[in-house]
N, C-alpha and C. Protein backbone atom coordinates (compact mmCIF):
# COMPACT_ATOMS: atom_id res chain seq x y z
N MET A 1 5.04 49.52 -39.31
CA MET A 1 4.52 47.92 -38.28
C MET A 1 5.61 47.63 -38.21
N GLN A 2 5.72 47.93 -36.97
CA GLN A 2 6.94 46.87 -35.55
C GLN A 2 6.28 45.44 -35.68
N ILE A 3 7.86 44.47 -36.29
CA ILE A 3 8.06 42.89 -35.93
C ILE A 3 8.20 42.32 -34.75
N THR A 4 7.58 41.71 -34.08
CA THR A 4 7.82 41.03 -33.08
C THR A 4 7.90 39.94 -32.72
N ILE A 5 8.44 39.08 -32.06
CA ILE A 5 9.11 37.85 -31.80
C ILE A 5 7.59 36.94 -32.04
N LYS A 6 6.61 37.04 -31.55
CA LYS A 6 5.55 37.02 -31.54
C LYS A 6 5.30 36.58 -33.47
N ASP A 7 5.43 37.76 -33.53
CA ASP A 7 5.67 37.88 -35.48
C ASP A 7 6.40 36.45 -35.87
N LEU A 8 7.09 36.39 -35.93
CA LEU A 8 8.63 35.66 -35.90
C LEU A 8 8.18 34.22 -35.84
N GLN A 9 7.61 33.71 -34.22
CA GLN A 9 7.15 32.55 -34.53
C GLN A 9 5.92 31.98 -35.21
N ASP A 10 5.05 33.67 -35.64
CA ASP A 10 3.69 32.75 -36.22
C ASP A 10 4.12 31.97 -37.46
N LEU A 11 5.14 33.30 -38.35
CA LEU A 11 6.19 32.69 -39.24
C LEU A 11 6.26 32.17 -39.71
N LEU A 12 7.59 31.21 -38.41
CA LEU A 12 7.76 29.79 -38.24
C LEU A 12 6.65 29.02 -38.16
N SER A 13 5.88 29.14 -37.82
CA SER A 13 4.85 27.32 -37.06
C SER A 13 4.60 27.21 -38.94
N SER A 14 3.88 28.73 -39.76
CA SER A 14 3.16 28.18 -41.43
C SER A 14 4.25 28.18 -41.93
N MET A 15 5.81 28.25 -41.59
CA MET A 15 5.83 28.01 -42.94
C MET A 15 6.69 26.22 -42.99
N GLN A 16 6.18 25.92 -41.20
CA GLN A 16 6.49 24.21 -41.33
C GLN A 16 5.11 23.86 -41.27
N ARG A 17 4.02 24.02 -41.31
CA ARG A 17 2.99 24.15 -41.71
C ARG A 17 2.49 23.35 -42.74
N LYS A 18 2.61 24.66 -43.77
CA LYS A 18 3.15 24.81 -45.03
C LYS A 18 3.92 24.22 -45.80
N LYS A 19 5.09 23.60 -44.92
CA LYS A 19 5.79 23.51 -46.33
C LYS A 19 6.34 23.99 -47.52
N ILE A 20 6.53 25.38 -46.73
CA ILE A 20 7.02 26.92 -47.55
C ILE A 20 8.23 26.20 -47.57
N GLN A 21 9.49 26.31 -48.17
CA GLN A 21 10.53 26.59 -48.15
C GLN A 21 11.49 27.37 -48.61
N THR A 22 10.95 28.55 -48.30
CA THR A 22 11.95 29.40 -48.87
C THR A 22 10.89 31.41 -48.34
N LEU A 23 11.23 32.40 -46.78
CA LEU A 23 10.42 32.89 -47.11
C LEU A 23 11.62 33.48 -46.75
N LYS A 24 11.25 35.31 -47.89
CA LYS A 24 11.56 36.57 -47.42
C LYS A 24 11.07 37.24 -47.43
N LEU A 25 11.73 38.36 -46.16
CA LEU A 25 10.77 39.38 -45.40
C LEU A 25 11.78 40.78 -45.60
N LYS A 26 11.71 41.73 -45.64
CA LYS A 26 11.56 42.93 -46.10
C LYS A 26 11.06 44.32 -45.99
N GLN A 27 12.12 44.65 -44.04
CA GLN A 27 11.27 46.17 -44.05
C GLN A 27 12.03 47.29 -43.24
N ASP A 28 12.17 48.27 -44.01
CA ASP A 28 13.00 49.50 -43.84
C ASP A 28 14.62 48.63 -43.93
N LYS A 29 14.74 48.86 -42.68
CA LYS A 29 16.45 47.80 -42.98
C LYS A 29 16.43 46.87 -41.94
N PHE A 30 15.26 46.62 -41.83
CA PHE A 30 15.53 44.46 -41.65
C PHE A 30 15.01 43.92 -42.66
N GLU A 31 15.93 42.96 -42.64
CA GLU A 31 15.84 41.69 -43.69
C GLU A 31 15.82 40.66 -43.49
N LEU A 32 14.85 39.70 -43.53
CA LEU A 32 14.47 38.35 -42.35
C LEU A 32 14.93 37.57 -43.74
N ILE A 33 15.68 36.68 -44.04
CA ILE A 33 15.56 35.06 -45.06
C ILE A 33 15.64 34.22 -43.75
N LEU A 34 14.43 33.44 -44.91
CA LEU A 34 14.48 31.74 -43.04
C LEU A 34 14.43 30.88 -44.47
N ASN A 35 15.11 29.90 -45.06
CA ASN A 35 15.39 28.40 -46.02
C ASN A 35 15.54 27.53 -44.65
N LYS A 36 14.37 26.14 -45.65
CA LYS A 36 14.51 24.82 -45.23
C LYS A 36 14.86 24.00 -46.24
N PRO A 37 16.10 23.81 -46.49
CA PRO A 37 16.29 23.08 -47.33
C PRO A 37 15.62 21.44 -47.42
N SER A 38 15.18 20.37 -47.86
CA SER A 38 14.15 19.07 -47.54
C SER A 38 15.95 18.23 -46.39
N LYS A 39 15.61 17.76 -45.98
CA LYS A 39 16.59 16.72 -45.12
C LYS A 39 16.78 15.60 -46.12
N LYS A 40 17.55 15.54 -46.21
CA LYS A 40 18.80 14.38 -46.54
C LYS A 40 20.49 14.29 -46.55
N ILE A 41 20.02 13.32 -46.13
CA ILE A 41 21.23 12.79 -45.92
C ILE A 41 22.33 12.13 -46.99
N THR A 42 23.41 13.11 -47.15
CA THR A 42 24.52 12.59 -48.69
C THR A 42 25.54 11.54 -47.73
N GLN A 43 25.95 10.76 -48.24
CA GLN A 43 27.10 9.78 -48.41
C GLN A 43 27.89 10.10 -49.50
N GLU A 44 29.11 10.08 -48.93
CA GLU A 44 30.54 9.90 -49.87
C GLU A 44 31.28 8.87 -49.35
N VAL A 45 31.97 8.50 -50.05
CA VAL A 45 33.47 7.83 -49.56
C VAL A 45 34.78 8.83 -50.14
N LEU A 46 35.17 8.97 -49.37
CA LEU A 46 36.86 9.49 -49.64
C LEU A 46 38.00 8.95 -49.92
N PRO A 47 38.91 9.04 -51.00
CA PRO A 47 40.07 8.33 -50.77
C PRO A 47 40.70 8.32 -49.53
N PRO A 48 41.43 7.74 -49.64
CA PRO A 48 42.98 7.23 -48.03
C PRO A 48 43.87 8.62 -47.98
N SER A 49 43.95 9.66 -49.42
CA SER A 49 44.64 10.83 -49.36
C SER A 49 43.88 12.25 -49.00
N ASN A 50 42.55 12.37 -48.71
CA ASN A 50 41.15 13.26 -48.53
C ASN A 50 40.90 13.08 -47.00
N SER A 51 41.83 13.72 -46.42
CA SER A 51 40.90 13.59 -44.31
C SER A 51 40.90 14.63 -44.68
N SER A 52 40.06 15.40 -45.43
CA SER A 52 39.30 16.88 -44.82
C SER A 52 37.42 16.14 -44.52
N MET A 53 36.97 17.34 -43.60
CA MET A 53 36.01 16.35 -43.33
C MET A 53 34.72 17.40 -43.75
N LEU A 54 33.81 16.78 -44.63
CA LEU A 54 33.12 17.81 -45.20
C LEU A 54 31.84 18.22 -44.47
N GLN A 55 31.28 19.59 -44.68
CA GLN A 55 30.09 19.65 -44.46
C GLN A 55 29.43 19.63 -45.20
N SER A 56 27.16 19.52 -44.33
CA SER A 56 26.27 19.05 -45.37
C SER A 56 25.51 20.81 -45.20
N THR A 57 24.40 20.48 -46.00
CA THR A 57 23.59 21.96 -46.13
C THR A 57 23.12 22.60 -45.28
N PRO A 58 22.56 23.39 -44.94
CA PRO A 58 22.39 23.52 -43.89
C PRO A 58 20.55 23.26 -43.81
N SER A 59 19.97 23.34 -42.46
CA SER A 59 19.07 22.74 -42.29
C SER A 59 18.05 23.50 -41.04
N ASN A 60 16.66 24.18 -41.36
CA ASN A 60 16.34 24.69 -40.17
C ASN A 60 14.92 23.23 -39.29
N THR A 61 15.41 22.34 -39.35
CA THR A 61 14.92 21.32 -38.60
C THR A 61 16.13 21.24 -37.05
N ILE A 62 15.62 20.42 -35.75
CA ILE A 62 15.80 19.85 -35.04
C ILE A 62 17.21 19.12 -35.20
N ASN A 63 16.33 17.82 -36.12
CA ASN A 63 17.69 17.02 -36.05
C ASN A 63 18.38 17.84 -37.13
N PRO A 64 19.34 18.12 -37.50
CA PRO A 64 20.50 18.58 -38.67
C PRO A 64 20.79 17.48 -39.12
N PRO A 65 20.94 17.86 -40.71
CA PRO A 65 21.35 16.31 -41.60
C PRO A 65 22.70 16.26 -41.33
N ILE A 66 23.32 15.16 -41.95
CA ILE A 66 24.99 14.82 -41.97
C ILE A 66 24.95 14.57 -42.88
N LYS A 67 26.12 14.88 -42.48
CA LYS A 67 27.41 14.37 -43.73
C LYS A 67 28.29 12.78 -43.97
N LYS A 68 28.22 12.25 -44.10
CA LYS A 68 28.66 10.86 -43.94
C LYS A 68 30.10 10.27 -44.82
N ASN A 69 30.98 10.07 -44.43
CA ASN A 69 32.48 10.17 -44.95
C ASN A 69 33.12 8.46 -44.53
N THR A 70 34.05 8.04 -45.48
CA THR A 70 34.70 6.60 -45.36
C THR A 70 35.70 7.19 -45.34
N ARG A 71 37.41 6.70 -44.60
CA ARG A 71 37.95 6.54 -45.36
C ARG A 71 38.52 5.31 -44.83
N ILE A 72 39.23 5.50 -46.29
CA ILE A 72 39.50 3.65 -46.20
C ILE A 72 41.25 3.83 -46.05
N ASN A 73 41.67 2.43 -45.22
CA ASN A 73 43.23 2.16 -45.08
C ASN A 73 43.03 0.88 -45.41
N SER A 74 44.31 0.09 -45.47
CA SER A 74 44.65 -1.28 -46.04
C SER A 74 43.29 -2.40 -44.80
N LYS A 75 43.82 -2.23 -44.13
CA LYS A 75 42.49 -3.19 -42.91
C LYS A 75 41.14 -2.99 -43.00
N THR A 76 41.03 -1.62 -42.28
CA THR A 76 39.50 -1.36 -42.61
C THR A 76 39.23 -0.42 -43.26
N ALA A 77 38.00 0.08 -43.26
CA ALA A 77 37.11 1.28 -43.36
C ALA A 77 35.75 2.11 -42.29
N THR A 78 36.71 3.24 -41.93
CA THR A 78 35.76 4.09 -40.86
C THR A 78 34.87 4.89 -41.43
N SER A 79 33.86 5.29 -41.23
CA SER A 79 33.02 6.08 -41.37
C SER A 79 32.87 7.23 -40.69
N TYR A 80 32.51 8.43 -41.17
CA TYR A 80 32.64 9.88 -40.57
C TYR A 80 31.22 10.41 -40.50
N ALA A 81 30.41 11.23 -39.47
CA ALA A 81 29.53 11.81 -39.64
C ALA A 81 29.80 13.04 -39.11
N THR A 82 29.58 14.32 -39.88
CA THR A 82 29.33 15.32 -39.04
C THR A 82 28.12 15.59 -38.83
N ILE A 83 27.71 16.52 -37.55
CA ILE A 83 26.61 16.88 -37.02
C ILE A 83 26.79 18.54 -36.69
N VAL A 84 25.70 18.73 -37.78
CA VAL A 84 25.46 20.45 -37.97
C VAL A 84 24.93 21.03 -37.28
N SER A 85 25.12 22.31 -36.93
CA SER A 85 23.74 23.63 -35.89
C SER A 85 22.94 23.56 -37.90
N PRO A 86 21.60 23.56 -37.23
CA PRO A 86 20.39 23.73 -38.02
C PRO A 86 20.20 25.26 -38.11
N MET A 87 21.06 26.35 -37.27
CA MET A 87 20.18 27.26 -37.09
C MET A 87 21.34 28.41 -36.74
N VAL A 88 21.77 29.42 -36.80
CA VAL A 88 22.66 30.64 -36.24
C VAL A 88 21.81 30.65 -34.87
N GLY A 89 23.01 30.73 -33.91
CA GLY A 89 22.13 30.68 -32.57
C GLY A 89 23.77 30.55 -31.59
N THR A 90 22.85 30.15 -30.33
CA THR A 90 24.60 30.56 -29.16
C THR A 90 24.78 28.64 -29.03
N PHE A 91 26.18 27.79 -28.83
CA PHE A 91 25.98 26.20 -28.24
C PHE A 91 26.15 26.53 -26.91
N TYR A 92 25.83 25.34 -26.47
CA TYR A 92 25.45 25.27 -25.15
C TYR A 92 25.56 23.00 -24.89
N GLN A 93 26.47 22.59 -24.42
CA GLN A 93 26.86 21.84 -23.90
C GLN A 93 25.61 21.01 -23.51
N SER A 94 25.50 21.90 -22.06
CA SER A 94 24.33 21.44 -21.31
C SER A 94 23.11 22.09 -20.86
N PRO A 95 22.33 21.46 -20.35
CA PRO A 95 20.79 22.16 -20.26
C PRO A 95 20.55 23.45 -19.66
N ALA A 96 21.88 23.63 -17.92
CA ALA A 96 22.03 24.58 -18.08
C ALA A 96 23.54 24.81 -17.28
N PRO A 97 23.57 26.01 -16.72
CA PRO A 97 25.15 26.28 -16.60
C PRO A 97 24.95 25.30 -15.09
N GLY A 98 26.21 24.69 -14.77
CA GLY A 98 26.85 23.54 -14.11
C GLY A 98 25.84 22.05 -13.52
N GLU A 99 25.30 22.06 -15.19
CA GLU A 99 24.48 20.97 -15.35
C GLU A 99 25.48 19.92 -16.12
N LYS A 100 25.12 18.66 -16.37
CA LYS A 100 26.10 17.75 -16.70
C LYS A 100 25.75 17.85 -18.08
N ILE A 101 26.90 18.06 -19.22
CA ILE A 101 27.23 18.03 -20.35
C ILE A 101 26.69 16.59 -21.02
N PHE A 102 26.27 17.10 -22.31
CA PHE A 102 24.81 16.04 -22.50
C PHE A 102 25.95 14.87 -23.07
N VAL A 103 27.06 15.50 -24.24
CA VAL A 103 28.15 14.15 -24.70
C VAL A 103 29.47 14.86 -24.87
N GLN A 104 30.68 14.49 -24.50
CA GLN A 104 31.52 14.40 -24.63
C GLN A 104 32.57 13.67 -25.46
N VAL A 105 33.89 13.77 -26.18
CA VAL A 105 34.70 13.29 -26.64
C VAL A 105 34.40 11.37 -26.03
N GLY A 106 33.98 10.96 -26.96
CA GLY A 106 34.24 9.60 -26.63
C GLY A 106 33.37 8.94 -26.39
N ASP A 107 32.38 8.99 -25.84
CA ASP A 107 30.64 9.20 -25.28
C ASP A 107 30.32 8.27 -26.79
N GLU A 108 29.50 7.51 -26.45
CA GLU A 108 28.22 6.87 -28.10
C GLU A 108 27.45 7.16 -28.21
N VAL A 109 26.81 7.90 -28.90
CA VAL A 109 25.53 8.42 -29.13
C VAL A 109 24.72 7.34 -29.92
N LYS A 110 23.01 7.53 -29.16
CA LYS A 110 22.65 7.04 -30.16
C LYS A 110 21.40 7.42 -31.31
N CYS A 111 20.56 7.48 -31.84
CA CYS A 111 19.41 8.30 -32.59
C CYS A 111 18.43 8.94 -31.83
N ASN A 112 18.49 9.87 -32.06
CA ASN A 112 17.30 10.51 -31.37
C ASN A 112 17.93 11.50 -30.05
N GLN A 113 19.43 11.19 -29.44
CA GLN A 113 19.80 11.69 -28.52
C GLN A 113 20.09 13.29 -28.42
N THR A 114 19.67 13.48 -27.26
CA THR A 114 19.75 15.51 -27.82
C THR A 114 21.36 15.16 -27.31
N VAL A 115 22.46 16.23 -28.63
CA VAL A 115 23.66 16.37 -27.95
C VAL A 115 24.40 17.66 -27.80
N CYS A 116 23.29 18.64 -28.16
CA CYS A 116 23.50 19.69 -27.32
C CYS A 116 22.11 20.81 -27.27
N ILE A 117 22.66 22.36 -27.32
CA ILE A 117 21.64 23.00 -27.14
C ILE A 117 21.94 24.28 -28.15
N ILE A 118 21.24 24.65 -28.92
CA ILE A 118 21.38 26.21 -29.61
C ILE A 118 19.74 26.64 -29.23
N GLU A 119 20.61 27.68 -28.83
CA GLU A 119 19.57 29.03 -28.29
C GLU A 119 19.26 30.57 -29.34
N ALA A 120 18.22 30.31 -30.16
CA ALA A 120 18.07 31.26 -31.25
C ALA A 120 16.52 32.07 -30.50
N MET A 121 16.87 32.93 -30.31
CA MET A 121 15.53 34.09 -29.81
C MET A 121 15.33 33.34 -29.13
N LYS A 122 15.84 33.52 -27.59
CA LYS A 122 15.62 33.50 -26.20
C LYS A 122 14.63 31.91 -26.75
N LEU A 123 15.03 31.20 -27.39
CA LEU A 123 14.44 30.19 -27.52
C LEU A 123 15.16 28.88 -27.54
N MET A 124 15.50 27.96 -26.14
CA MET A 124 16.68 26.97 -26.27
C MET A 124 16.00 25.73 -27.44
N ASN A 125 16.90 24.67 -28.33
CA ASN A 125 16.42 23.93 -29.21
C ASN A 125 17.97 22.82 -29.22
N GLU A 126 17.24 21.83 -28.43
CA GLU A 126 17.75 21.07 -28.14
C GLU A 126 18.09 20.27 -29.59
N ILE A 127 18.89 19.24 -30.07
CA ILE A 127 19.87 19.20 -31.24
C ILE A 127 20.30 17.75 -31.19
N GLU A 128 19.70 16.83 -31.85
CA GLU A 128 19.58 15.56 -31.58
C GLU A 128 20.15 14.77 -32.72
N ALA A 129 21.28 13.94 -32.46
CA ALA A 129 21.49 13.20 -34.09
C ALA A 129 21.11 12.58 -34.07
N GLU A 130 21.08 12.53 -35.04
CA GLU A 130 20.43 11.42 -36.16
C GLU A 130 21.33 9.97 -37.22
N ILE A 131 22.42 10.12 -35.89
CA ILE A 131 22.94 8.44 -36.50
C ILE A 131 23.42 7.99 -35.09
N GLU A 132 24.17 6.76 -35.02
CA GLU A 132 24.40 5.60 -33.73
C GLU A 132 26.16 6.29 -34.54
N GLY A 133 26.82 6.20 -33.63
CA GLY A 133 28.03 6.36 -33.02
C GLY A 133 29.20 6.77 -31.86
N LYS A 134 30.64 7.62 -32.47
CA LYS A 134 31.07 7.67 -31.16
C LYS A 134 31.26 9.18 -31.37
N ILE A 135 31.35 10.02 -30.55
CA ILE A 135 32.16 10.94 -30.50
C ILE A 135 33.66 11.65 -30.69
N ILE A 136 33.72 11.76 -31.65
CA ILE A 136 35.14 11.94 -32.29
C ILE A 136 35.85 13.18 -31.52
N GLU A 137 35.06 13.93 -32.36
CA GLU A 137 35.43 15.24 -31.86
C GLU A 137 34.40 16.43 -31.89
N ILE A 138 34.33 17.48 -30.49
CA ILE A 138 33.50 18.29 -30.46
C ILE A 138 34.58 19.98 -31.18
N LEU A 139 33.79 20.69 -32.25
CA LEU A 139 34.34 21.37 -33.00
C LEU A 139 33.84 22.98 -32.58
N VAL A 140 33.15 23.26 -32.04
CA VAL A 140 33.11 24.00 -31.10
C VAL A 140 33.24 24.52 -29.47
N LYS A 141 33.08 26.08 -29.13
CA LYS A 141 33.38 25.43 -27.39
C LYS A 141 31.88 26.45 -26.54
N ASP A 142 30.94 25.44 -25.84
CA ASP A 142 30.28 25.48 -24.78
C ASP A 142 30.43 27.82 -25.02
N GLY A 143 29.55 28.04 -25.39
CA GLY A 143 29.05 29.57 -25.63
C GLY A 143 29.62 30.26 -26.61
N ASP A 144 29.66 29.16 -27.75
CA ASP A 144 29.88 30.23 -29.27
C ASP A 144 29.02 30.32 -30.19
N ILE A 145 29.27 31.38 -30.72
CA ILE A 145 27.62 31.55 -31.23
C ILE A 145 28.42 30.24 -32.70
N VAL A 146 27.53 29.95 -33.57
CA VAL A 146 27.57 28.79 -34.59
C VAL A 146 26.26 29.90 -36.13
N ASP A 147 26.90 29.49 -37.02
CA ASP A 147 26.34 29.41 -38.00
C ASP A 147 24.54 28.18 -38.34
N CYS A 148 23.95 28.92 -39.01
CA CYS A 148 23.27 27.68 -39.96
C CYS A 148 24.45 27.04 -40.77
N GLY A 149 24.16 25.67 -40.95
CA GLY A 149 24.80 24.67 -41.30
C GLY A 149 26.78 24.94 -40.84
N GLN A 150 27.27 24.81 -39.54
CA GLN A 150 28.27 24.88 -38.85
C GLN A 150 28.63 23.51 -38.74
N ALA A 151 29.27 23.38 -38.67
CA ALA A 151 29.89 21.71 -37.96
C ALA A 151 29.62 22.15 -36.97
N LEU A 152 29.09 20.88 -35.68
CA LEU A 152 29.77 21.07 -34.23
C LEU A 152 30.34 19.37 -34.26
N MET A 153 29.86 18.60 -34.48
CA MET A 153 30.69 17.75 -33.90
C MET A 153 30.75 16.23 -35.24
N THR A 154 31.98 15.91 -34.72
CA THR A 154 32.27 14.34 -35.59
C THR A 154 31.87 13.71 -34.99
N VAL A 155 31.32 12.17 -35.80
CA VAL A 155 30.63 11.06 -35.10
C VAL A 155 31.27 9.52 -36.37
N GLU A 156 31.61 9.04 -35.17
CA GLU A 156 32.58 8.08 -35.95
C GLU A 156 31.58 6.44 -35.84
N THR A 157 30.84 6.35 -37.59
CA THR A 157 29.73 5.98 -37.70
C THR A 157 30.10 4.32 -37.18
């Protein structure tokens, strides 16, 4: 039996309809594992000495989970969120070559605003922000291959 793109699309649809969390398919040398963790936003407060940004768990949703961090100094507290890739694919900053990019460093984003596209299995998946804030860093380059759960952008909330 040969697995086709149509078969994979049907599997993904079934996972969403039946709320299946994990699916493992193995045939000869081909192995496919699909995980769909619950959609959860985690918050943490970091002490001033810890400046590392944390990544959240991977998700197969188009609105990727975010991880919020807070940096505290003597005058203000600043919160940061990381937008992560919900899937493995190719990262694109614009809808097509030569077109205007979705967001750049310094832009303000709103909830449900498209921030990039991840191409996976010839499908263009728009990635939307789940938080409002200012883009302070884009962590990958246009055309880079990204992993599920990889940090894409840092947002000051």
